[in-house]
Amino acid sequence: MSEPRIELVQLANGDIALRRSDNPDEPLVTITISDQVQDLLPMDKIDIAQSMVEAGIERYRDIQLERVEQQEIAVATGMLH
């Protein structure tokens, strides 16, 4: 059995959705880019949304690493919260 994939797709209303391939009716994230912003940016909406998702994933990873470091410091110094 293969694992579901995460895909970035443009919906019928123009929004961009990040969703699991096995559950296309429930997006994990929906991005709406206003017409005003679309007119200012020469990039494709999918490219913009992909950059936003990548930035979010990187920030999530950074937050998790910070938490691990804080826990390691707390254990090493005997300061548990």
C-alpha atoms as a PDB file:
ATOM      1  CA  MET A   1       0.000   0.000   0.000  1.00  0.00           C
ATOM      2  CA  SER A   2       1.485   3.347  -1.018  1.00  0.00           C
ATOM      3  CA  GLU A   3       1.433   6.340   1.282  1.00  0.00           C
ATOM      4  CA  PRO A   4      -0.698   9.320   0.276  1.00  0.00           C
ATOM      5  CA  ARG A   5       1.148  12.200  -1.304  1.00  0.00           C
ATOM      6  CA  ILE A   6       0.871  15.851  -0.470  1.00  0.00           C
ATOM      7  CA  GLU A   7       0.005  17.959  -3.497  1.00  0.00           C
ATOM      8  CA  LEU A   8      -0.330  21.642  -4.267  1.00  0.00           C
ATOM      9  CA  VAL A   9      -3.231  22.321  -6.617  1.00  0.00           C
ATOM     10  CA  GLN A  10      -5.225  25.237  -7.939  1.00  0.00           C
ATOM     11  CA  LEU A  11      -8.901  24.954  -7.036  1.00  0.00           C
ATOM     12  CA  ALA A  12     -11.790  25.916  -9.298  1.00  0.00           C
ATOM     13  CA  ASN A  13     -12.210  29.225  -7.431  1.00  0.00           C
ATOM     14  CA  GLY A  14      -8.548  30.155  -8.064  1.00  0.00           C
ATOM     15  CA  ASP A  15      -7.297  29.435  -4.536  1.00  0.00           C
ATOM     16  CA  ILE A  16      -4.290  27.197  -4.049  1.00  0.00           C
ATOM     17  CA  ALA A  17      -4.694  24.173  -1.777  1.00  0.00           C
ATOM     18  CA  LEU A  18      -2.190  21.909  -0.087  1.00  0.00           C
ATOM     19  CA  ARG A  19      -3.900  18.558   0.311  1.00  0.00           C
ATOM     20  CA  ARG A  20      -3.371  14.862   0.703  1.00  0.00           C
ATOM     21  CA  SER A  21      -3.884  12.929  -2.510  1.00  0.00           C
ATOM     22  CA  ASP A  22      -6.146  10.453  -0.703  1.00  0.00           C
ATOM     23  CA  ASN A  23      -8.442  13.194   0.654  1.00  0.00           C
ATOM     24  CA  PRO A  24      -8.766  15.946  -1.977  1.00  0.00           C
ATOM     25  CA  ASP A  25     -11.949  17.402  -0.464  1.00  0.00           C
ATOM     26  CA  GLU A  26     -10.230  18.488   2.789  1.00  0.00           C
ATOM     27  CA  PRO A  27      -7.273  20.794   2.128  1.00  0.00           C
ATOM     28  CA  LEU A  28      -4.608  21.007   4.818  1.00  0.00           C
ATOM     29  CA  VAL A  29      -3.964  24.641   3.853  1.00  0.00           C
ATOM     30  CA  THR A  30      -5.743  27.000   1.482  1.00  0.00           C
ATOM     31  CA  ILE A  31      -4.024  30.091   0.090  1.00  0.00           C
ATOM     32  CA  THR A  32      -5.966  32.935  -1.453  1.00  0.00           C
ATOM     33  CA  ILE A  33      -3.942  35.476  -3.419  1.00  0.00           C
ATOM     34  CA  SER A  34      -5.803  38.696  -4.105  1.00  0.00           C
ATOM     35  CA  ASP A  35      -6.152  40.022  -7.642  1.00  0.00           C
ATOM     36  CA  GLN A  36      -4.220  43.117  -6.562  1.00  0.00           C
ATOM     37  CA  VAL A  37      -1.221  41.043  -5.485  1.00  0.00           C
ATOM     38  CA  GLN A  38      -1.427  38.832  -8.554  1.00  0.00           C
ATOM     39  CA  ASP A  39      -1.187  41.935 -10.748  1.00  0.00           C
ATOM     40  CA  LEU A  40       1.964  43.050  -8.898  1.00  0.00           C
ATOM     41  CA  LEU A  41       3.796  39.731  -9.030  1.00  0.00           C
ATOM     42  CA  PRO A  42       5.087  38.299 -12.273  1.00  0.00           C
ATOM     43  CA  MET A  43       5.213  34.786 -10.774  1.00  0.00           C
ATOM     44  CA  ASP A  44       2.626  32.094 -11.230  1.00  0.00           C
ATOM     45  CA  LYS A  45       0.243  31.605  -8.283  1.00  0.00           C
ATOM     46  CA  ILE A  46       1.434  28.039  -7.802  1.00  0.00           C
ATOM     47  CA  ASP A  47       5.053  29.244  -7.530  1.00  0.00           C
ATOM     48  CA  ILE A  48       4.063  31.827  -4.925  1.00  0.00           C
ATOM     49  CA  ALA A  49       2.056  29.282  -2.931  1.00  0.00           C
ATOM     50  CA  GLN A  50       4.879  26.735  -3.124  1.00  0.00           C
ATOM     51  CA  SER A  51       7.317  29.305  -1.726  1.00  0.00           C
ATOM     52  CA  MET A  52       4.885  30.103   1.080  1.00  0.00           C
ATOM     53  CA  VAL A  53       4.464  26.422   1.976  1.00  0.00           C
ATOM     54  CA  GLU A  54       8.231  25.830   1.885  1.00  0.00           C
ATOM     55  CA  ALA A  55       8.804  28.820   4.183  1.00  0.00           C
ATOM     56  CA  GLY A  56       6.168  27.491   6.576  1.00  0.00           C
ATOM     57  CA  ILE A  57       7.756  24.046   6.673  1.00  0.00           C
ATOM     58  CA  GLU A  58      11.201  25.552   7.289  1.00  0.00           C
ATOM     59  CA  ARG A  59       9.861  27.717  10.127  1.00  0.00           C
ATOM     60  CA  TYR A  60       8.084  24.722  11.685  1.00  0.00           C
ATOM     61  CA  ARG A  61      11.354  22.763  11.568  1.00  0.00           C
ATOM     62  CA  ASP A  62      13.223  25.669  13.181  1.00  0.00           C
ATOM     63  CA  ILE A  63      10.653  25.905  15.979  1.00  0.00           C
ATOM     64  CA  GLN A  64      10.932  22.171  16.657  1.00  0.00           C
ATOM     65  CA  LEU A  65      14.735  22.382  16.777  1.00  0.00           C
ATOM     66  CA  GLU A  66      14.527  25.330  19.196  1.00  0.00           C
ATOM     67  CA  ARG A  67      12.221  23.330  21.472  1.00  0.00           C
ATOM     68  CA  VAL A  68      14.576  20.354  21.481  1.00  0.00           C
ATOM     69  CA  GLU A  69      17.510  22.634  22.328  1.00  0.00           C
ATOM     70  CA  GLN A  70      15.529  24.269  25.152  1.00  0.00           C
ATOM     71  CA  GLN A  71      14.621  20.861  26.574  1.00  0.00           C
ATOM     72  CA  GLU A  72      18.237  19.705  26.392  1.00  0.00           C
ATOM     73  CA  ILE A  73      19.378  22.849  28.235  1.00  0.00           C
ATOM     74  CA  ALA A  74      16.657  22.390  30.845  1.00  0.00           C
ATOM     75  CA  VAL A  75      17.692  18.787  31.461  1.00  0.00           C
ATOM     76  CA  ALA A  76      21.373  19.677  31.598  1.00  0.00           C
ATOM     77  CA  THR A  77      20.819  22.486  34.092  1.00  0.00           C
ATOM     78  CA  GLY A  78      18.167  20.684  36.121  1.00  0.00           C
ATOM     79  CA  MET A  79      15.517  23.284  35.243  1.00  0.00           C
ATOM     80  CA  LEU A  80      12.395  21.444  34.234  1.00  0.00           C
ATOM     81  CA  HIS A  81       9.209  23.329  33.419  1.00  0.00           C
END
